[in-house]
Amino acid sequence: MNSRFFTKLNLSKTKHLLCKAKINGKTAKLLIDTGASNSCIHSELKEYFNLKEKGDPFDAAGASEGKMQAVMTLECKIQMGRSFKGNQAFVLIDLNHVNATLNSQGAVKIDGIIGADFLKSNKAIIDYSLRKLFL
């Protein structure tokens, strides 16, 4: 893995992989979801992470019932681990239903999701045995 950066992953009580990141300098707890097409941030945290909307709201589908209102953000600064720094646009979406489910199972709440868009563009490799995300 020539000159790759990595970040440590934690395993939640629900067996989800979690990582810490900084978004525009603010600490975030993110769930790694290879099945999510887009990376998302909980819409209630838009101001906290200083995210700027781009475009009009749209209907988004996810693992919950029905469609949800979502909006894209402009690219922002993301840092993972000690060395990885990049830019990423997120989908702002209400993650209350996700956090309610995690909470009901004794897991910590998340600020957002790292999806396939980020993983693919950064040629990510997930090492489950070492619990590391290589970028």
N, C-alpha and C. Protein backbone atom coordinates (compact mmCIF):
# COMPACT_ATOMS: atom_id res chain seq x y z
N MET A 1 0.85 -1.19 0.00
CA MET A 1 0.00 0.00 0.00
C MET A 1 0.88 1.23 0.00
N ASN A 2 1.38 1.57 -1.14
CA ASN A 2 2.34 2.66 -1.24
C ASN A 2 1.74 4.01 -0.84
N SER A 3 2.41 4.63 0.10
CA SER A 3 2.08 5.96 0.63
C SER A 3 0.59 6.20 0.84
N ARG A 4 -0.06 5.27 1.50
CA ARG A 4 -1.45 5.44 1.87
C ARG A 4 -1.54 5.99 3.29
N PHE A 5 -2.60 6.73 3.54
CA PHE A 5 -2.89 7.21 4.88
C PHE A 5 -3.94 6.27 5.46
N PHE A 6 -4.02 6.22 6.78
CA PHE A 6 -5.07 5.41 7.38
C PHE A 6 -5.68 6.12 8.57
N THR A 7 -6.87 5.68 8.90
CA THR A 7 -7.54 6.12 10.11
C THR A 7 -8.04 4.88 10.82
N LYS A 8 -8.04 4.93 12.13
CA LYS A 8 -8.50 3.80 12.93
C LYS A 8 -10.03 3.74 12.89
N LEU A 9 -10.52 2.52 12.89
CA LEU A 9 -11.96 2.29 12.92
C LEU A 9 -12.34 1.65 14.25
N ASN A 10 -13.51 1.97 14.74
CA ASN A 10 -14.05 1.35 15.94
C ASN A 10 -15.27 0.52 15.55
N LEU A 11 -15.52 -0.52 16.29
CA LEU A 11 -16.68 -1.36 16.06
C LEU A 11 -17.73 -1.00 17.11
N SER A 12 -18.92 -0.60 16.65
CA SER A 12 -19.98 -0.21 17.57
C SER A 12 -20.66 -1.45 18.14
N LYS A 13 -21.52 -1.25 19.13
CA LYS A 13 -22.29 -2.36 19.70
C LYS A 13 -23.18 -3.02 18.66
N THR A 14 -23.51 -2.29 17.61
CA THR A 14 -24.35 -2.83 16.54
C THR A 14 -23.51 -3.44 15.42
N LYS A 15 -22.20 -3.54 15.64
CA LYS A 15 -21.25 -4.12 14.68
C LYS A 15 -21.02 -3.25 13.45
N HIS A 16 -21.32 -1.96 13.55
CA HIS A 16 -21.02 -1.01 12.48
C HIS A 16 -19.60 -0.48 12.69
N LEU A 17 -18.94 -0.16 11.58
CA LEU A 17 -17.62 0.46 11.66
C LEU A 17 -17.79 1.97 11.76
N LEU A 18 -17.09 2.56 12.71
CA LEU A 18 -17.15 4.01 12.95
C LEU A 18 -15.75 4.60 12.88
N CYS A 19 -15.68 5.85 12.46
CA CYS A 19 -14.40 6.56 12.48
C CYS A 19 -14.64 7.99 12.95
N LYS A 20 -13.56 8.59 13.41
CA LYS A 20 -13.60 10.00 13.76
C LYS A 20 -12.99 10.77 12.61
N ALA A 21 -13.50 11.95 12.39
CA ALA A 21 -12.98 12.82 11.34
C ALA A 21 -13.15 14.26 11.80
N LYS A 22 -12.54 15.15 11.07
CA LYS A 22 -12.79 16.58 11.28
C LYS A 22 -13.39 17.12 10.00
N ILE A 23 -14.50 17.79 10.14
CA ILE A 23 -15.16 18.43 9.01
C ILE A 23 -15.12 19.92 9.28
N ASN A 24 -14.44 20.63 8.39
CA ASN A 24 -14.22 22.07 8.59
C ASN A 24 -13.69 22.36 9.99
N GLY A 25 -12.82 21.47 10.48
CA GLY A 25 -12.17 21.67 11.77
C GLY A 25 -12.94 21.17 12.97
N LYS A 26 -14.17 20.70 12.80
CA LYS A 26 -15.00 20.22 13.91
C LYS A 26 -15.02 18.70 13.92
N THR A 27 -14.90 18.09 15.10
CA THR A 27 -14.87 16.65 15.24
C THR A 27 -16.22 16.03 14.90
N ALA A 28 -16.16 14.93 14.14
CA ALA A 28 -17.37 14.21 13.72
C ALA A 28 -17.19 12.72 13.95
N LYS A 29 -18.27 12.04 14.32
CA LYS A 29 -18.30 10.59 14.42
C LYS A 29 -19.10 10.09 13.23
N LEU A 30 -18.43 9.31 12.36
CA LEU A 30 -19.04 8.88 11.11
C LEU A 30 -19.12 7.37 11.00
N LEU A 31 -20.22 6.88 10.49
CA LEU A 31 -20.42 5.46 10.24
C LEU A 31 -19.93 5.16 8.83
N ILE A 32 -19.16 4.10 8.65
CA ILE A 32 -18.69 3.69 7.33
C ILE A 32 -19.76 2.78 6.73
N ASP A 33 -20.31 3.17 5.59
CA ASP A 33 -21.40 2.41 4.96
C ASP A 33 -21.12 2.25 3.48
N THR A 34 -20.57 1.09 3.10
CA THR A 34 -20.24 0.85 1.70
C THR A 34 -21.49 0.76 0.83
N GLY A 35 -22.64 0.54 1.44
CA GLY A 35 -23.89 0.45 0.69
C GLY A 35 -24.58 1.79 0.47
N ALA A 36 -24.09 2.83 1.13
CA ALA A 36 -24.66 4.17 0.94
C ALA A 36 -23.97 4.80 -0.26
N SER A 37 -24.74 5.24 -1.24
CA SER A 37 -24.13 5.81 -2.44
C SER A 37 -23.47 7.16 -2.15
N ASN A 38 -24.03 7.92 -1.23
CA ASN A 38 -23.50 9.25 -0.92
C ASN A 38 -23.15 9.38 0.55
N SER A 39 -22.15 10.18 0.83
CA SER A 39 -21.79 10.52 2.20
C SER A 39 -22.79 11.56 2.70
N CYS A 40 -23.19 11.43 3.96
CA CYS A 40 -24.25 12.27 4.52
C CYS A 40 -23.82 12.87 5.85
N ILE A 41 -24.42 14.00 6.16
CA ILE A 41 -24.28 14.62 7.48
C ILE A 41 -25.70 14.90 7.98
N HIS A 42 -25.89 14.70 9.28
CA HIS A 42 -27.19 14.98 9.89
C HIS A 42 -27.54 16.45 9.67
N SER A 43 -28.68 16.69 9.09
CA SER A 43 -29.07 18.05 8.71
C SER A 43 -29.09 19.03 9.88
N GLU A 44 -29.33 18.53 11.09
CA GLU A 44 -29.34 19.41 12.27
C GLU A 44 -27.95 19.94 12.62
N LEU A 45 -26.91 19.38 11.98
CA LEU A 45 -25.53 19.78 12.28
C LEU A 45 -24.93 20.68 11.20
N LYS A 46 -25.76 21.17 10.31
CA LYS A 46 -25.29 22.02 9.21
C LYS A 46 -24.50 23.23 9.71
N GLU A 47 -25.01 23.93 10.68
CA GLU A 47 -24.33 25.11 11.19
C GLU A 47 -23.08 24.73 11.98
N TYR A 48 -23.16 23.66 12.78
CA TYR A 48 -22.01 23.22 13.58
C TYR A 48 -20.80 22.95 12.69
N PHE A 49 -21.02 22.28 11.56
CA PHE A 49 -19.93 21.96 10.64
C PHE A 49 -19.70 23.06 9.59
N ASN A 50 -20.46 24.14 9.69
CA ASN A 50 -20.33 25.27 8.76
C ASN A 50 -20.45 24.81 7.30
N LEU A 51 -21.50 24.05 7.02
CA LEU A 51 -21.74 23.53 5.68
C LEU A 51 -22.67 24.46 4.91
N LYS A 52 -22.36 24.68 3.66
CA LYS A 52 -23.15 25.55 2.79
C LYS A 52 -23.92 24.71 1.80
N GLU A 53 -25.21 24.97 1.70
CA GLU A 53 -26.06 24.23 0.77
C GLU A 53 -25.74 24.58 -0.68
N LYS A 54 -25.94 23.58 -1.55
CA LYS A 54 -25.74 23.77 -2.99
C LYS A 54 -26.96 23.18 -3.69
N GLY A 55 -27.68 24.01 -4.38
CA GLY A 55 -28.84 23.53 -5.13
C GLY A 55 -30.10 23.43 -4.30
N ASP A 56 -31.11 22.86 -4.92
CA ASP A 56 -32.43 22.74 -4.30
C ASP A 56 -32.59 21.40 -3.58
N PRO A 57 -33.48 21.37 -2.58
CA PRO A 57 -33.77 20.10 -1.91
C PRO A 57 -34.32 19.07 -2.91
N PHE A 58 -34.08 17.80 -2.58
CA PHE A 58 -34.57 16.70 -3.43
C PHE A 58 -35.01 15.55 -2.53
N ASP A 59 -35.76 14.63 -3.10
CA ASP A 59 -36.18 13.44 -2.37
C ASP A 59 -35.05 12.42 -2.38
N ALA A 60 -34.76 11.87 -1.22
CA ALA A 60 -33.73 10.85 -1.11
C ALA A 60 -34.35 9.60 -0.50
N ALA A 61 -33.87 8.47 -0.93
CA ALA A 61 -34.32 7.20 -0.36
C ALA A 61 -33.18 6.60 0.44
N GLY A 62 -33.52 5.88 1.48
CA GLY A 62 -32.50 5.25 2.31
C GLY A 62 -33.05 3.98 2.91
N ALA A 63 -32.45 3.58 4.00
CA ALA A 63 -32.84 2.34 4.65
C ALA A 63 -34.10 2.52 5.52
N SER A 64 -34.67 3.70 5.51
CA SER A 64 -35.88 3.93 6.31
C SER A 64 -37.10 3.90 5.41
N GLU A 65 -38.24 4.07 6.04
CA GLU A 65 -39.49 4.09 5.28
C GLU A 65 -39.62 5.40 4.51
N GLY A 66 -40.09 5.30 3.29
CA GLY A 66 -40.43 6.49 2.51
C GLY A 66 -39.24 7.32 2.08
N LYS A 67 -39.57 8.46 1.49
CA LYS A 67 -38.55 9.38 1.00
C LYS A 67 -38.32 10.47 2.03
N MET A 68 -37.12 11.02 1.99
CA MET A 68 -36.75 12.09 2.91
C MET A 68 -36.24 13.27 2.10
N GLN A 69 -36.42 14.46 2.63
CA GLN A 69 -35.88 15.65 1.99
C GLN A 69 -34.39 15.73 2.27
N ALA A 70 -33.62 16.04 1.23
CA ALA A 70 -32.18 16.15 1.35
C ALA A 70 -31.71 17.31 0.49
N VAL A 71 -30.51 17.77 0.77
CA VAL A 71 -29.89 18.82 -0.03
C VAL A 71 -28.38 18.60 -0.02
N MET A 72 -27.75 18.86 -1.15
CA MET A 72 -26.29 18.73 -1.26
C MET A 72 -25.62 19.93 -0.60
N THR A 73 -24.36 19.72 -0.22
CA THR A 73 -23.55 20.83 0.27
C THR A 73 -22.43 21.11 -0.73
N LEU A 74 -21.86 22.27 -0.60
CA LEU A 74 -20.62 22.55 -1.32
C LEU A 74 -19.52 21.68 -0.71
N GLU A 75 -18.44 21.49 -1.44
CA GLU A 75 -17.32 20.74 -0.88
C GLU A 75 -16.80 21.46 0.36
N CYS A 76 -16.37 20.67 1.33
CA CYS A 76 -15.80 21.22 2.55
C CYS A 76 -14.52 20.45 2.87
N LYS A 77 -13.81 20.90 3.86
CA LYS A 77 -12.56 20.25 4.27
C LYS A 77 -12.88 19.06 5.16
N ILE A 78 -12.21 17.93 4.87
CA ILE A 78 -12.34 16.74 5.72
C ILE A 78 -10.95 16.24 6.05
N GLN A 79 -10.76 15.87 7.30
CA GLN A 79 -9.50 15.30 7.74
C GLN A 79 -9.80 14.00 8.47
N MET A 80 -9.04 12.96 8.13
CA MET A 80 -9.19 11.66 8.78
C MET A 80 -7.82 11.17 9.19
N GLY A 81 -7.74 10.61 10.38
CA GLY A 81 -6.44 10.16 10.86
C GLY A 81 -5.53 11.35 11.06
N ARG A 82 -4.25 11.08 11.10
CA ARG A 82 -3.29 12.17 11.32
C ARG A 82 -2.94 12.91 10.05
N SER A 83 -3.06 12.23 8.90
CA SER A 83 -2.47 12.80 7.69
C SER A 83 -3.41 13.04 6.53
N PHE A 84 -4.55 12.34 6.46
CA PHE A 84 -5.40 12.49 5.28
C PHE A 84 -6.19 13.80 5.35
N LYS A 85 -6.05 14.60 4.32
CA LYS A 85 -6.83 15.84 4.18
C LYS A 85 -7.38 15.88 2.77
N GLY A 86 -8.65 16.20 2.66
CA GLY A 86 -9.27 16.27 1.36
C GLY A 86 -10.49 17.16 1.38
N ASN A 87 -11.23 17.11 0.30
CA ASN A 87 -12.47 17.87 0.17
C ASN A 87 -13.60 16.90 -0.10
N GLN A 88 -14.78 17.21 0.42
CA GLN A 88 -15.92 16.31 0.25
C GLN A 88 -17.22 17.11 0.31
N ALA A 89 -18.11 16.81 -0.61
CA ALA A 89 -19.48 17.32 -0.53
C ALA A 89 -20.31 16.27 0.18
N PHE A 90 -21.28 16.69 0.94
CA PHE A 90 -22.15 15.79 1.68
C PHE A 90 -23.60 16.03 1.30
N VAL A 91 -24.43 15.05 1.57
CA VAL A 91 -25.87 15.21 1.49
C VAL A 91 -26.34 15.52 2.91
N LEU A 92 -27.05 16.61 3.09
CA LEU A 92 -27.67 16.92 4.38
C LEU A 92 -29.00 16.21 4.45
N ILE A 93 -29.16 15.35 5.46
CA ILE A 93 -30.36 14.55 5.58
C ILE A 93 -30.66 14.32 7.06
N ASP A 94 -31.91 14.17 7.40
CA ASP A 94 -32.30 13.94 8.79
C ASP A 94 -31.91 12.51 9.18
N LEU A 95 -30.99 12.40 10.12
CA LEU A 95 -30.53 11.09 10.59
C LEU A 95 -31.11 10.72 11.95
N ASN A 96 -32.19 11.40 12.37
CA ASN A 96 -32.80 11.09 13.66
C ASN A 96 -33.25 9.63 13.73
N HIS A 97 -33.82 9.10 12.64
CA HIS A 97 -34.30 7.71 12.65
C HIS A 97 -33.13 6.74 12.80
N VAL A 98 -31.99 7.04 12.19
CA VAL A 98 -30.80 6.19 12.31
C VAL A 98 -30.30 6.23 13.75
N ASN A 99 -30.19 7.43 14.31
CA ASN A 99 -29.70 7.56 15.68
C ASN A 99 -30.66 6.96 16.70
N ALA A 100 -31.96 7.03 16.44
CA ALA A 100 -32.93 6.40 17.35
C ALA A 100 -32.74 4.89 17.36
N THR A 101 -32.52 4.32 16.19
CA THR A 101 -32.29 2.87 16.10
C THR A 101 -30.99 2.49 16.80
N LEU A 102 -29.91 3.25 16.53
CA LEU A 102 -28.64 2.96 17.19
C LEU A 102 -28.77 3.07 18.71
N ASN A 103 -29.45 4.12 19.17
CA ASN A 103 -29.64 4.34 20.60
C ASN A 103 -30.43 3.20 21.24
N SER A 104 -31.45 2.71 20.55
CA SER A 104 -32.28 1.63 21.09
C SER A 104 -31.49 0.34 21.26
N GLN A 105 -30.36 0.24 20.55
CA GLN A 105 -29.52 -0.96 20.64
C GLN A 105 -28.25 -0.70 21.46
N GLY A 106 -28.22 0.44 22.17
CA GLY A 106 -27.10 0.75 23.05
C GLY A 106 -25.87 1.31 22.37
N ALA A 107 -26.01 1.71 21.12
CA ALA A 107 -24.86 2.26 20.38
C ALA A 107 -24.86 3.78 20.45
N VAL A 108 -23.69 4.38 20.21
CA VAL A 108 -23.57 5.83 20.22
C VAL A 108 -24.18 6.43 18.96
N LYS A 109 -24.62 7.68 19.07
CA LYS A 109 -25.19 8.33 17.89
C LYS A 109 -24.08 8.81 16.98
N ILE A 110 -24.42 8.98 15.73
CA ILE A 110 -23.46 9.40 14.71
C ILE A 110 -23.81 10.79 14.19
N ASP A 111 -22.81 11.45 13.62
CA ASP A 111 -23.02 12.75 13.00
C ASP A 111 -23.26 12.62 11.51
N GLY A 112 -22.83 11.48 10.94
CA GLY A 112 -22.98 11.30 9.51
C GLY A 112 -22.49 9.95 9.05
N ILE A 113 -22.45 9.80 7.74
CA ILE A 113 -22.11 8.54 7.10
C ILE A 113 -21.07 8.79 6.02
N ILE A 114 -20.05 7.96 6.01
CA ILE A 114 -19.10 7.95 4.89
C ILE A 114 -19.60 6.90 3.92
N GLY A 115 -19.93 7.32 2.71
CA GLY A 115 -20.51 6.43 1.72
C GLY A 115 -19.56 6.09 0.59
N ALA A 116 -20.10 5.38 -0.39
CA ALA A 116 -19.31 4.89 -1.52
C ALA A 116 -18.67 6.01 -2.34
N ASP A 117 -19.30 7.19 -2.39
CA ASP A 117 -18.70 8.29 -3.15
C ASP A 117 -17.31 8.63 -2.62
N PHE A 118 -17.20 8.78 -1.31
CA PHE A 118 -15.91 9.09 -0.67
C PHE A 118 -14.96 7.90 -0.78
N LEU A 119 -15.45 6.72 -0.48
CA LEU A 119 -14.61 5.52 -0.48
C LEU A 119 -14.02 5.26 -1.86
N LYS A 120 -14.84 5.40 -2.90
CA LYS A 120 -14.37 5.15 -4.26
C LYS A 120 -13.39 6.23 -4.71
N SER A 121 -13.72 7.49 -4.51
CA SER A 121 -12.86 8.57 -5.00
C SER A 121 -11.51 8.60 -4.30
N ASN A 122 -11.45 8.06 -3.08
CA ASN A 122 -10.18 8.03 -2.34
C ASN A 122 -9.53 6.64 -2.34
N LYS A 123 -10.05 5.76 -3.21
CA LYS A 123 -9.49 4.40 -3.38
C LYS A 123 -9.30 3.72 -2.04
N ALA A 124 -10.36 3.76 -1.23
CA ALA A 124 -10.30 3.24 0.14
C ALA A 124 -10.18 1.73 0.17
N ILE A 125 -9.47 1.26 1.17
CA ILE A 125 -9.38 -0.16 1.50
C ILE A 125 -9.74 -0.29 2.97
N ILE A 126 -10.71 -1.13 3.25
CA ILE A 126 -11.11 -1.37 4.63
C ILE A 126 -10.47 -2.68 5.08
N ASP A 127 -9.66 -2.60 6.12
CA ASP A 127 -9.05 -3.80 6.70
C ASP A 127 -9.81 -4.09 7.99
N TYR A 128 -10.69 -5.09 7.91
CA TYR A 128 -11.53 -5.41 9.06
C TYR A 128 -10.73 -5.98 10.22
N SER A 129 -9.72 -6.80 9.94
CA SER A 129 -8.96 -7.42 11.02
C SER A 129 -8.12 -6.39 11.78
N LEU A 130 -7.56 -5.42 11.07
CA LEU A 130 -6.78 -4.36 11.73
C LEU A 130 -7.65 -3.19 12.17
N ARG A 131 -8.89 -3.17 11.71
CA ARG A 131 -9.82 -2.05 11.96
C ARG A 131 -9.20 -0.73 11.53
N LYS A 132 -8.79 -0.71 10.26
CA LYS A 132 -8.22 0.51 9.69
C LYS A 132 -8.84 0.77 8.32
N LEU A 133 -9.01 2.06 8.03
CA LEU A 133 -9.46 2.50 6.72
C LEU A 133 -8.27 3.17 6.06
N PHE A 134 -7.79 2.55 4.98
CA PHE A 134 -6.66 3.10 4.24
C PHE A 134 -7.17 3.96 3.10
N LEU A 135 -6.58 5.13 2.96
CA LEU A 135 -6.96 6.09 1.91
C LEU A 135 -5.74 6.47 1.11
